[in-house]
């Protein structure tokens, strides 16, 4: 019982430390995560059986027509993925930023962008393309690039609809 009282005495001695440290930890955590986005993006791809030859047989005989159909369906689903469409968007806008031969008439926003901003945008978009990453709409700099891509009609929504 004496040890229990010693334990309580130690707790009483350090009670402010035991109270303040968790409060400080909570406050630090709050300030570190308050600017992070509340939504997260995930992508998945569903394979419909092209990798499994057992699914492509009837009575032990391979049906090449069905195999081709499944391969085409898989390819179409992969092409529709936002990540793939973003890569296409990046290539289109990179061409328009770097080349004199543009794919489309420059939008009003594109016409207002100066050469240094175009160079910077091309560098960032090229980096995102190389890393197969999406532009971050929470970053004001990258949001401007997203708006530029959208103004040119190169965003994933416009590409998938055309």
Foldseek 3Di string as FASTA:
>chain_A
DVVVVVVVVVCVVCVVVVVVVVVVVVVVVCVVCVLPDPDDDDDDADQPQLVPQVVQDDPRDGDVVVSVVSVVVSVVRVCLTQLNLLLQLLVQLLCVLPHPDHPDDQFPLRVPDDNVLSVVLNVVSVVCNVVSHHQDCSDVSSVSVVVRSVRRLSHSVSVVVD
